[in-house]
Amino acid sequence: MRRDGKEEILVVINFSGSDCPKYSLGVYGGKYEVLFNTDDTEYGGSGTYKNKTYTAKSFPSHGKDMSIDINIPRLSCIYLKRSAISKTTIPKTTKSDKTAKSTEN
């Protein structure tokens, strides 16, 4: 994840020779729009996965409270831009959650 203060870009790279369909990737809440996918036919790719947007869901993954199920073609690179998020897409942390996390360390 890269940020410039206003925008966030998530870069996903698959160096393996196998597709990763419905890969659960931990993210912050919001919608993610595909800006660039090396697997698109215009770049000589297969164009197998045509998803252009992904919405974060409340399923923990990779240390994040939310995730997207993204299709990652083999030998590809995907750039995703996180759109502005509303308060309803931000998971709430309660005092008991904070206490539980601090006792885990």
PDB file of N, CA and C in Angstrom:
ATOM      1  N   MET A   1       0.856  -1.168   0.000  1.00  0.00           N
ATOM      2  CA  MET A   1       0.000   0.000   0.000  1.00  0.00           C
ATOM      3  C   MET A   1       0.901   1.228   0.000  1.00  0.00           C
ATOM      4  N   ARG A   2       0.667   2.122  -0.935  1.00  0.00           N
ATOM      5  CA  ARG A   2       1.406   3.385  -1.018  1.00  0.00           C
ATOM      6  C   ARG A   2       0.420   4.529  -0.909  1.00  0.00           C
ATOM      7  N   ARG A   3       0.815   5.586  -0.207  1.00  0.00           N
ATOM      8  CA  ARG A   3      -0.050   6.756  -0.011  1.00  0.00           C
ATOM      9  C   ARG A   3       0.724   8.023  -0.337  1.00  0.00           C
ATOM     10  N   ASP A   4      -0.022   9.027  -0.813  1.00  0.00           N
ATOM     11  CA  ASP A   4       0.587  10.337  -1.025  1.00  0.00           C
ATOM     12  C   ASP A   4      -0.132  11.408  -0.219  1.00  0.00           C
ATOM     13  N   GLY A   5      -0.918  11.019   0.755  1.00  0.00           N
ATOM     14  CA  GLY A   5      -1.673  11.963   1.564  1.00  0.00           C
ATOM     15  C   GLY A   5      -3.125  12.044   1.149  1.00  0.00           C
ATOM     16  N   LYS A   6      -3.404  11.857  -0.131  1.00  0.00           N
ATOM     17  CA  LYS A   6      -4.778  11.924  -0.639  1.00  0.00           C
ATOM     18  C   LYS A   6      -5.242  10.584  -1.191  1.00  0.00           C
ATOM     19  N   GLU A   7      -4.374   9.905  -1.887  1.00  0.00           N
ATOM     20  CA  GLU A   7      -4.757   8.658  -2.553  1.00  0.00           C
ATOM     21  C   GLU A   7      -3.928   7.494  -2.024  1.00  0.00           C
ATOM     22  N   GLU A   8      -4.515   6.309  -2.156  1.00  0.00           N
ATOM     23  CA  GLU A   8      -3.817   5.089  -1.783  1.00  0.00           C
ATOM     24  C   GLU A   8      -3.832   4.133  -2.968  1.00  0.00           C
ATOM     25  N   ILE A   9      -2.685   3.559  -3.255  1.00  0.00           N
ATOM     26  CA  ILE A   9      -2.561   2.585  -4.334  1.00  0.00           C
ATOM     27  C   ILE A   9      -2.066   1.272  -3.722  1.00  0.00           C
ATOM     28  N   LEU A  10      -2.763   0.205  -4.040  1.00  0.00           N
ATOM     29  CA  LEU A  10      -2.386  -1.132  -3.597  1.00  0.00           C
ATOM     30  C   LEU A  10      -1.829  -1.869  -4.807  1.00  0.00           C
ATOM     31  N   VAL A  11      -0.625  -2.408  -4.684  1.00  0.00           N
ATOM     32  CA  VAL A  11       0.013  -3.130  -5.778  1.00  0.00           C
ATOM     33  C   VAL A  11       0.069  -4.608  -5.405  1.00  0.00           C
ATOM     34  N   VAL A  12      -0.487  -5.447  -6.272  1.00  0.00           N
ATOM     35  CA  VAL A  12      -0.515  -6.893  -6.059  1.00  0.00           C
ATOM     36  C   VAL A  12       0.246  -7.547  -7.207  1.00  0.00           C
ATOM     37  N   ILE A  13       1.258  -8.337  -6.864  1.00  0.00           N
ATOM     38  CA  ILE A  13       2.077  -8.989  -7.885  1.00  0.00           C
ATOM     39  C   ILE A  13       2.086 -10.493  -7.640  1.00  0.00           C
ATOM     40  N   ASN A  14       1.877 -11.244  -8.705  1.00  0.00           N
ATOM     41  CA  ASN A  14       1.930 -12.703  -8.639  1.00  0.00           C
ATOM     42  C   ASN A  14       3.063 -13.172  -9.547  1.00  0.00           C
ATOM     43  N   PHE A  15       4.169 -13.596  -8.950  1.00  0.00           N
ATOM     44  CA  PHE A  15       5.325 -14.073  -9.716  1.00  0.00           C
ATOM     45  C   PHE A  15       5.240 -15.562 -10.036  1.00  0.00           C
ATOM     46  N   SER A  16       4.204 -16.227  -9.527  1.00  0.00           N
ATOM     47  CA  SER A  16       4.106 -17.674  -9.751  1.00  0.00           C
ATOM     48  C   SER A  16       3.441 -17.976 -11.094  1.00  0.00           C
ATOM     49  N   GLY A  17       3.530 -19.210 -11.506  1.00  0.00           N
ATOM     50  CA  GLY A  17       2.918 -19.648 -12.754  1.00  0.00           C
ATOM     51  C   GLY A  17       1.496 -20.147 -12.574  1.00  0.00           C
ATOM     52  N   SER A  18       0.903 -19.880 -11.408  1.00  0.00           N
ATOM     53  CA  SER A  18      -0.467 -20.330 -11.121  1.00  0.00           C
ATOM     54  C   SER A  18      -1.379 -19.149 -10.822  1.00  0.00           C
ATOM     55  N   ASP A  19      -2.608 -19.205 -11.351  1.00  0.00           N
ATOM     56  CA  ASP A  19      -3.615 -18.204 -11.008  1.00  0.00           C
ATOM     57  C   ASP A  19      -3.990 -18.355  -9.536  1.00  0.00           C
ATOM     58  N   CYS A  20      -4.407 -17.264  -8.923  1.00  0.00           N
ATOM     59  CA  CYS A  20      -4.904 -17.271  -7.542  1.00  0.00           C
ATOM     60  C   CYS A  20      -6.321 -16.701  -7.553  1.00  0.00           C
ATOM     61  N   PRO A  21      -7.313 -17.510  -7.912  1.00  0.00           N
ATOM     62  CA  PRO A  21      -8.693 -17.009  -7.941  1.00  0.00           C
ATOM     63  C   PRO A  21      -9.237 -16.834  -6.530  1.00  0.00           C
ATOM     64  N   LYS A  22      -9.988 -15.760  -6.349  1.00  0.00           N
ATOM     65  CA  LYS A  22     -10.635 -15.457  -5.064  1.00  0.00           C
ATOM     66  C   LYS A  22      -9.647 -15.463  -3.901  1.00  0.00           C
ATOM     67  N   TYR A  23      -8.488 -14.862  -4.095  1.00  0.00           N
ATOM     68  CA  TYR A  23      -7.473 -14.749  -3.054  1.00  0.00           C
ATOM     69  C   TYR A  23      -7.931 -13.705  -2.047  1.00  0.00           C
ATOM     70  N   SER A  24      -7.994 -14.071  -0.782  1.00  0.00           N
ATOM     71  CA  SER A  24      -8.442 -13.155   0.269  1.00  0.00           C
ATOM     72  C   SER A  24      -7.264 -12.284   0.691  1.00  0.00           C
ATOM     73  N   LEU A  25      -7.356 -10.993   0.400  1.00  0.00           N
ATOM     74  CA  LEU A  25      -6.279 -10.048   0.655  1.00  0.00           C
ATOM     75  C   LEU A  25      -6.723  -9.030   1.695  1.00  0.00           C
ATOM     76  N   GLY A  26      -6.011  -8.936   2.804  1.00  0.00           N
ATOM     77  CA  GLY A  26      -6.348  -7.993   3.866  1.00  0.00           C
ATOM     78  C   GLY A  26      -6.167  -6.549   3.414  1.00  0.00           C
ATOM     79  N   VAL A  27      -7.197  -5.732   3.643  1.00  0.00           N
ATOM     80  CA  VAL A  27      -7.180  -4.324   3.222  1.00  0.00           C
ATOM     81  C   VAL A  27      -7.900  -3.469   4.258  1.00  0.00           C
ATOM     82  N   TYR A  28      -7.811  -2.169   4.078  1.00  0.00           N
ATOM     83  CA  TYR A  28      -8.630  -1.238   4.839  1.00  0.00           C
ATOM     84  C   TYR A  28      -9.989  -1.148   4.151  1.00  0.00           C
ATOM     85  N   GLY A  29     -11.004  -0.698   4.871  1.00  0.00           N
ATOM     86  CA  GLY A  29     -12.351  -0.612   4.311  1.00  0.00           C
ATOM     87  C   GLY A  29     -12.427   0.299   3.098  1.00  0.00           C
ATOM     88  N   GLY A  30     -13.385   0.032   2.234  1.00  0.00           N
ATOM     89  CA  GLY A  30     -13.603   0.859   1.055  1.00  0.00           C
ATOM     90  C   GLY A  30     -13.770   0.029  -0.199  1.00  0.00           C
ATOM     91  N   LYS A  31     -13.796   0.733  -1.317  1.00  0.00           N
ATOM     92  CA  LYS A  31     -13.871   0.081  -2.627  1.00  0.00           C
ATOM     93  C   LYS A  31     -12.526   0.259  -3.311  1.00  0.00           C
ATOM     94  N   TYR A  32     -12.146  -0.747  -4.066  1.00  0.00           N
ATOM     95  CA  TYR A  32     -10.874  -0.742  -4.769  1.00  0.00           C
ATOM     96  C   TYR A  32     -11.130  -0.897  -6.257  1.00  0.00           C
ATOM     97  N   GLU A  33     -10.623   0.068  -7.020  1.00  0.00           N
ATOM     98  CA  GLU A  33     -10.806   0.082  -8.472  1.00  0.00           C
ATOM     99  C   GLU A  33      -9.498  -0.330  -9.142  1.00  0.00           C
ATOM    100  N   VAL A  34      -9.582  -1.243 -10.098  1.00  0.00           N
ATOM    101  CA  VAL A  34      -8.395  -1.677 -10.838  1.00  0.00           C
ATOM    102  C   VAL A  34      -7.981  -0.555 -11.788  1.00  0.00           C
ATOM    103  N   LEU A  35      -6.765  -0.046 -11.600  1.00  0.00           N
ATOM    104  CA  LEU A  35      -6.223   0.988 -12.480  1.00  0.00           C
ATOM    105  C   LEU A  35      -5.416   0.372 -13.615  1.00  0.00           C
ATOM    106  N   PHE A  36      -4.745  -0.724 -13.306  1.00  0.00           N
ATOM    107  CA  PHE A  36      -3.824  -1.340 -14.262  1.00  0.00           C
ATOM    108  C   PHE A  36      -3.733  -2.827 -13.952  1.00  0.00           C
ATOM    109  N   ASN A  37      -3.840  -3.654 -14.975  1.00  0.00           N
ATOM    110  CA  ASN A  37      -3.723  -5.097 -14.820  1.00  0.00           C
ATOM    111  C   ASN A  37      -2.936  -5.629 -16.018  1.00  0.00           C
ATOM    112  N   THR A  38      -1.749  -6.139 -15.765  1.00  0.00           N
ATOM    113  CA  THR A  38      -0.915  -6.618 -16.869  1.00  0.00           C
ATOM    114  C   THR A  38      -1.526  -7.812 -17.590  1.00  0.00           C
ATOM    115  N   ASP A  39      -2.553  -8.434 -17.004  1.00  0.00           N
ATOM    116  CA  ASP A  39      -3.211  -9.567 -17.653  1.00  0.00           C
ATOM    117  C   ASP A  39      -4.309  -9.129 -18.623  1.00  0.00           C
ATOM    118  N   ASP A  40      -4.595  -7.827 -18.714  1.00  0.00           N
ATOM    119  CA  ASP A  40      -5.575  -7.353 -19.694  1.00  0.00           C
ATOM    120  C   ASP A  40      -5.071  -7.652 -21.108  1.00  0.00           C
ATOM    121  N   THR A  41      -5.998  -7.916 -22.007  1.00  0.00           N
ATOM    122  CA  THR A  41      -5.624  -8.262 -23.388  1.00  0.00           C
ATOM    123  C   THR A  41      -4.867  -7.138 -24.089  1.00  0.00           C
ATOM    124  N   GLU A  42      -5.135  -5.893 -23.710  1.00  0.00           N
ATOM    125  CA  GLU A  42      -4.435  -4.777 -24.360  1.00  0.00           C
ATOM    126  C   GLU A  42      -2.941  -4.768 -24.041  1.00  0.00           C
ATOM    127  N   TYR A  43      -2.528  -5.514 -23.002  1.00  0.00           N
ATOM    128  CA  TYR A  43      -1.105  -5.624 -22.654  1.00  0.00           C
ATOM    129  C   TYR A  43      -0.548  -7.005 -22.996  1.00  0.00           C
ATOM    130  N   GLY A  44      -1.303  -7.789 -23.769  1.00  0.00           N
ATOM    131  CA  GLY A  44      -0.845  -9.104 -24.175  1.00  0.00           C
ATOM    132  C   GLY A  44      -1.194 -10.219 -23.205  1.00  0.00           C
ATOM    133  N   GLY A  45      -2.020  -9.907 -22.212  1.00  0.00           N
ATOM    134  CA  GLY A  45      -2.432 -10.917 -21.240  1.00  0.00           C
ATOM    135  C   GLY A  45      -3.630 -11.716 -21.722  1.00  0.00           C
ATOM    136  N   SER A  46      -4.089 -12.614 -20.867  1.00  0.00           N
ATOM    137  CA  SER A  46      -5.210 -13.491 -21.234  1.00  0.00           C
ATOM    138  C   SER A  46      -6.568 -12.814 -21.089  1.00  0.00           C
ATOM    139  N   GLY A  47      -6.661 -11.806 -20.246  1.00  0.00           N
ATOM    140  CA  GLY A  47      -7.943 -11.136 -20.019  1.00  0.00           C
ATOM    141  C   GLY A  47      -8.952 -12.023 -19.312  1.00  0.00           C
ATOM    142  N   THR A  48      -8.464 -13.044 -18.616  1.00  0.00           N
ATOM    143  CA  THR A  48      -9.338 -14.014 -17.958  1.00  0.00           C
ATOM    144  C   THR A  48     -10.235 -13.372 -16.904  1.00  0.00           C
ATOM    145  N   TYR A  49      -9.652 -12.548 -16.048  1.00  0.00           N
ATOM    146  CA  TYR A  49     -10.416 -11.929 -14.961  1.00  0.00           C
ATOM    147  C   TYR A  49     -10.747 -10.494 -15.336  1.00  0.00           C
ATOM    148  N   LYS A  50     -12.016 -10.197 -15.400  1.00  0.00           N
ATOM    149  CA  LYS A  50     -12.448  -8.883 -15.874  1.00  0.00           C
ATOM    150  C   LYS A  50     -12.963  -7.977 -14.755  1.00  0.00           C
ATOM    151  N   ASN A  51     -12.810  -8.386 -13.482  1.00  0.00           N
ATOM    152  CA  ASN A  51     -13.274  -7.550 -12.371  1.00  0.00           C
ATOM    153  C   ASN A  51     -12.567  -6.202 -12.417  1.00  0.00           C
ATOM    154  N   LYS A  52     -13.338  -5.147 -12.265  1.00  0.00           N
ATOM    155  CA  LYS A  52     -12.759  -3.806 -12.267  1.00  0.00           C
ATOM    156  C   LYS A  52     -12.876  -3.122 -10.912  1.00  0.00           C
ATOM    157  N   THR A  53     -13.741  -3.639 -10.042  1.00  0.00           N
ATOM    158  CA  THR A  53     -13.854  -3.086  -8.689  1.00  0.00           C
ATOM    159  C   THR A  53     -14.041  -4.217  -7.682  1.00  0.00           C
ATOM    160  N   TYR A  54     -13.551  -3.960  -6.480  1.00  0.00           N
ATOM    161  CA  TYR A  54     -13.702  -4.892  -5.364  1.00  0.00           C
ATOM    162  C   TYR A  54     -14.127  -4.084  -4.148  1.00  0.00           C
ATOM    163  N   THR A  55     -15.058  -4.611  -3.361  1.00  0.00           N
ATOM    164  CA  THR A  55     -15.527  -3.946  -2.150  1.00  0.00           C
ATOM    165  C   THR A  55     -15.054  -4.736  -0.938  1.00  0.00           C
ATOM    166  N   ALA A  56     -14.443  -4.039   0.020  1.00  0.00           N
ATOM    167  CA  ALA A  56     -13.955  -4.697   1.231  1.00  0.00           C
ATOM    168  C   ALA A  56     -15.119  -5.266   2.029  1.00  0.00           C
ATOM    169  N   LYS A  57     -14.879  -6.435   2.601  1.00  0.00           N
ATOM    170  CA  LYS A  57     -15.895  -7.083   3.430  1.00  0.00           C
ATOM    171  C   LYS A  57     -15.298  -7.337   4.814  1.00  0.00           C
ATOM    172  N   SER A  58     -16.157  -7.539   5.779  1.00  0.00           N
ATOM    173  CA  SER A  58     -15.714  -7.759   7.160  1.00  0.00           C
ATOM    174  C   SER A  58     -15.244  -9.195   7.353  1.00  0.00           C
ATOM    175  N   PHE A  59     -14.086  -9.492   6.813  1.00  0.00           N
ATOM    176  CA  PHE A  59     -13.465 -10.802   6.975  1.00  0.00           C
ATOM    177  C   PHE A  59     -11.968 -10.564   7.179  1.00  0.00           C
ATOM    178  N   PRO A  60     -11.448 -10.845   8.375  1.00  0.00           N
ATOM    179  CA  PRO A  60     -10.040 -10.560   8.665  1.00  0.00           C
ATOM    180  C   PRO A  60      -9.079 -11.361   7.784  1.00  0.00           C
ATOM    181  N   SER A  61      -7.996 -10.697   7.384  1.00  0.00           N
ATOM    182  CA  SER A  61      -6.960 -11.350   6.587  1.00  0.00           C
ATOM    183  C   SER A  61      -5.695 -10.497   6.642  1.00  0.00           C
ATOM    184  N   HIS A  62      -4.542 -11.137   6.722  1.00  0.00           N
ATOM    185  CA  HIS A  62      -3.243 -10.450   6.710  1.00  0.00           C
ATOM    186  C   HIS A  62      -3.147  -9.332   7.754  1.00  0.00           C
ATOM    187  N   GLY A  63      -3.699  -9.553   8.932  1.00  0.00           N
ATOM    188  CA  GLY A  63      -3.608  -8.572  10.007  1.00  0.00           C
ATOM    189  C   GLY A  63      -4.555  -7.394   9.885  1.00  0.00           C
ATOM    190  N   LYS A  64      -5.432  -7.411   8.914  1.00  0.00           N
ATOM    191  CA  LYS A  64      -6.422  -6.340   8.732  1.00  0.00           C
ATOM    192  C   LYS A  64      -7.800  -6.889   9.097  1.00  0.00           C
ATOM    193  N   ASP A  65      -8.704  -5.999   9.514  1.00  0.00           N
ATOM    194  CA  ASP A  65     -10.057  -6.406   9.892  1.00  0.00           C
ATOM    195  C   ASP A  65     -10.948  -6.682   8.690  1.00  0.00           C
ATOM    196  N   MET A  66     -10.534  -6.223   7.518  1.00  0.00           N
ATOM    197  CA  MET A  66     -11.347  -6.381   6.313  1.00  0.00           C
ATOM    198  C   MET A  66     -10.493  -6.981   5.201  1.00  0.00           C
ATOM    199  N   SER A  67     -11.174  -7.450   4.152  1.00  0.00           N
ATOM    200  CA  SER A  67     -10.447  -8.046   3.033  1.00  0.00           C
ATOM    201  C   SER A  67     -11.261  -7.936   1.749  1.00  0.00           C
ATOM    202  N   ILE A  68     -10.583  -8.173   0.643  1.00  0.00           N
ATOM    203  CA  ILE A  68     -11.245  -8.306  -0.653  1.00  0.00           C
ATOM    204  C   ILE A  68     -10.864  -9.674  -1.206  1.00  0.00           C
ATOM    205  N   ASP A  69     -11.759 -10.271  -1.956  1.00  0.00           N
ATOM    206  CA  ASP A  69     -11.462 -11.519  -2.661  1.00  0.00           C
ATOM    207  C   ASP A  69     -11.090 -11.139  -4.082  1.00  0.00           C
ATOM    208  N   ILE A  70      -9.808 -11.174  -4.362  1.00  0.00           N
ATOM    209  CA  ILE A  70      -9.314 -10.695  -5.649  1.00  0.00           C
ATOM    210  C   ILE A  70      -8.808 -11.866  -6.493  1.00  0.00           C
ATOM    211  N   ASN A  71      -9.077 -11.788  -7.772  1.00  0.00           N
ATOM    212  CA  ASN A  71      -8.567 -12.781  -8.719  1.00  0.00           C
ATOM    213  C   ASN A  71      -7.214 -12.293  -9.219  1.00  0.00           C
ATOM    214  N   ILE A  72      -6.168 -13.065  -8.933  1.00  0.00           N
ATOM    215  CA  ILE A  72      -4.818 -12.661  -9.315  1.00  0.00           C
ATOM    216  C   ILE A  72      -4.301 -13.630 -10.382  1.00  0.00           C
ATOM    217  N   PRO A  73      -4.227 -13.171 -11.634  1.00  0.00           N
ATOM    218  CA  PRO A  73      -3.729 -14.041 -12.701  1.00  0.00           C
ATOM    219  C   PRO A  73      -2.244 -14.369 -12.500  1.00  0.00           C
ATOM    220  N   ARG A  74      -1.814 -15.477 -13.072  1.00  0.00           N
ATOM    221  CA  ARG A  74      -0.403 -15.867 -12.981  1.00  0.00           C
ATOM    222  C   ARG A  74       0.467 -14.830 -13.684  1.00  0.00           C
ATOM    223  N   LEU A  75       1.658 -14.644 -13.160  1.00  0.00           N
ATOM    224  CA  LEU A  75       2.645 -13.747 -13.762  1.00  0.00           C
ATOM    225  C   LEU A  75       2.055 -12.374 -14.086  1.00  0.00           C
ATOM    226  N   SER A  76       1.409 -11.774 -13.109  1.00  0.00           N
ATOM    227  CA  SER A  76       0.734 -10.490 -13.362  1.00  0.00           C
ATOM    228  C   SER A  76       1.013  -9.472 -12.264  1.00  0.00           C
ATOM    229  N   CYS A  77       0.681  -8.244 -12.575  1.00  0.00           N
ATOM    230  CA  CYS A  77       0.768  -7.132 -11.635  1.00  0.00           C
ATOM    231  C   CYS A  77      -0.523  -6.327 -11.749  1.00  0.00           C
ATOM    232  N   ILE A  78      -1.128  -6.019 -10.603  1.00  0.00           N
ATOM    233  CA  ILE A  78      -2.387  -5.274 -10.583  1.00  0.00           C
ATOM    234  C   ILE A  78      -2.224  -4.064  -9.673  1.00  0.00           C
ATOM    235  N   TYR A  79      -2.638  -2.893 -10.168  1.00  0.00           N
ATOM    236  CA  TYR A  79      -2.674  -1.678  -9.356  1.00  0.00           C
ATOM    237  C   TYR A  79      -4.135  -1.393  -9.032  1.00  0.00           C
ATOM    238  N   LEU A  80      -4.421  -1.200  -7.742  1.00  0.00           N
ATOM    239  CA  LEU A  80      -5.780  -0.879  -7.303  1.00  0.00           C
ATOM    240  C   LEU A  80      -5.758   0.439  -6.541  1.00  0.00           C
ATOM    241  N   LYS A  81      -6.759   1.261  -6.783  1.00  0.00           N
ATOM    242  CA  LYS A  81      -6.881   2.543  -6.095  1.00  0.00           C
ATOM    243  C   LYS A  81      -8.058   2.461  -5.135  1.00  0.00           C
ATOM    244  N   ARG A  82      -7.801   2.803  -3.871  1.00  0.00           N
ATOM    245  CA  ARG A  82      -8.881   2.804  -2.891  1.00  0.00           C
ATOM    246  C   ARG A  82      -9.663   4.098  -3.027  1.00  0.00           C
ATOM    247  N   SER A  83     -10.995   3.959  -3.164  1.00  0.00           N
ATOM    248  CA  SER A  83     -11.844   5.141  -3.278  1.00  0.00           C
ATOM    249  C   SER A  83     -12.134   5.688  -1.890  1.00  0.00           C
ATOM    250  N   ALA A  84     -12.676   6.889  -1.854  1.00  0.00           N
ATOM    251  CA  ALA A  84     -13.045   7.496  -0.577  1.00  0.00           C
ATOM    252  C   ALA A  84     -13.993   6.561   0.155  1.00  0.00           C
ATOM    253  N   ILE A  85     -13.804   6.473   1.465  1.00  0.00           N
ATOM    254  CA  ILE A  85     -14.631   5.560   2.245  1.00  0.00           C
ATOM    255  C   ILE A  85     -15.598   6.335   3.115  1.00  0.00           C
ATOM    256  N   SER A  86     -16.721   5.713   3.373  1.00  0.00           N
ATOM    257  CA  SER A  86     -17.694   6.320   4.277  1.00  0.00           C
ATOM    258  C   SER A  86     -17.503   5.721   5.655  1.00  0.00           C
ATOM    259  N   LYS A  87     -18.090   6.342   6.661  1.00  0.00           N
ATOM    260  CA  LYS A  87     -17.952   5.852   8.026  1.00  0.00           C
ATOM    261  C   LYS A  87     -18.533   4.456   8.189  1.00  0.00           C
ATOM    262  N   THR A  88     -19.473   4.080   7.325  1.00  0.00           N
ATOM    263  CA  THR A  88     -20.080   2.751   7.453  1.00  0.00           C
ATOM    264  C   THR A  88     -19.132   1.646   7.014  1.00  0.00           C
ATOM    265  N   THR A  89     -18.078   1.976   6.262  1.00  0.00           N
ATOM    266  CA  THR A  89     -17.144   0.941   5.821  1.00  0.00           C
ATOM    267  C   THR A  89     -15.956   0.802   6.764  1.00  0.00           C
ATOM    268  N   ILE A  90     -15.869   1.668   7.774  1.00  0.00           N
ATOM    269  CA  ILE A  90     -14.778   1.593   8.728  1.00  0.00           C
ATOM    270  C   ILE A  90     -15.216   0.735   9.906  1.00  0.00           C
ATOM    271  N   PRO A  91     -14.514  -0.363  10.177  1.00  0.00           N
ATOM    272  CA  PRO A  91     -14.905  -1.192  11.310  1.00  0.00           C
ATOM    273  C   PRO A  91     -14.679  -0.450  12.620  1.00  0.00           C
ATOM    274  N   LYS A  92     -15.649  -0.536  13.507  1.00  0.00           N
ATOM    275  CA  LYS A  92     -15.551   0.144  14.790  1.00  0.00           C
ATOM    276  C   LYS A  92     -14.723  -0.691  15.750  1.00  0.00           C
ATOM    277  N   THR A  93     -13.850  -0.012  16.495  1.00  0.00           N
ATOM    278  CA  THR A  93     -13.068  -0.667  17.525  1.00  0.00           C
ATOM    279  C   THR A  93     -13.628  -0.235  18.866  1.00  0.00           C
ATOM    280  N   THR A  94     -14.046  -1.190  19.642  1.00  0.00           N
ATOM    281  CA  THR A  94     -14.604  -0.877  20.953  1.00  0.00           C
ATOM    282  C   THR A  94     -13.501  -0.905  21.995  1.00  0.00           C
ATOM    283  N   LYS A  95     -13.817  -0.402  23.169  1.00  0.00           N
ATOM    284  CA  LYS A  95     -12.845  -0.386  24.248  1.00  0.00           C
ATOM    285  C   LYS A  95     -12.400  -1.807  24.586  1.00  0.00           C
ATOM    286  N   SER A  96     -13.339  -2.756  24.558  1.00  0.00           N
ATOM    287  CA  SER A  96     -12.983  -4.147  24.866  1.00  0.00           C
ATOM    288  C   SER A  96     -12.041  -4.721  23.809  1.00  0.00           C
ATOM    289  N   ASP A  97     -12.185  -4.296  22.538  1.00  0.00           N
ATOM    290  CA  ASP A  97     -11.266  -4.735  21.484  1.00  0.00           C
ATOM    291  C   ASP A  97      -9.854  -4.231  21.762  1.00  0.00           C
ATOM    292  N   LYS A  98      -9.745  -2.964  22.157  1.00  0.00           N
ATOM    293  CA  LYS A  98      -8.442  -2.381  22.452  1.00  0.00           C
ATOM    294  C   LYS A  98      -7.803  -3.079  23.644  1.00  0.00           C
ATOM    295  N   THR A  99      -8.606  -3.377  24.658  1.00  0.00           N
ATOM    296  CA  THR A  99      -8.092  -4.058  25.841  1.00  0.00           C
ATOM    297  C   THR A  99      -7.606  -5.454  25.484  1.00  0.00           C
ATOM    298  N   ALA A 100      -8.383  -6.157  24.671  1.00  0.00           N
ATOM    299  CA  ALA A 100      -8.005  -7.514  24.263  1.00  0.00           C
ATOM    300  C   ALA A 100      -6.703  -7.501  23.480  1.00  0.00           C
ATOM    301  N   LYS A 101      -6.536  -6.518  22.588  1.00  0.00           N
ATOM    302  CA  LYS A 101      -5.318  -6.436  21.788  1.00  0.00           C
ATOM    303  C   LYS A 101      -4.107  -6.129  22.662  1.00  0.00           C
ATOM    304  N   SER A 102      -4.286  -5.246  23.660  1.00  0.00           N
ATOM    305  CA  SER A 102      -3.151  -4.885  24.500  1.00  0.00           C
ATOM    306  C   SER A 102      -2.741  -6.034  25.413  1.00  0.00           C
ATOM    307  N   THR A 103      -3.671  -6.908  25.788  1.00  0.00           N
ATOM    308  CA  THR A 103      -3.321  -8.046  26.635  1.00  0.00           C
ATOM    309  C   THR A 103      -2.692  -9.174  25.844  1.00  0.00           C
ATOM    310  N   GLU A 104      -2.870  -9.161  24.509  1.00  0.00           N
ATOM    311  CA  GLU A 104      -2.267 -10.196  23.668  1.00  0.00           C
ATOM    312  C   GLU A 104      -0.766 -10.003  23.540  1.00  0.00           C
ATOM    313  N   ASN A 105      -0.296  -8.768  23.663  1.00  0.00           N
ATOM    314  CA  ASN A 105       1.136  -8.476  23.465  1.00  0.00           C
ATOM    315  C   ASN A 105       1.960  -8.824  24.655  1.00  0.00           C
TER     316      ASN A 105
END
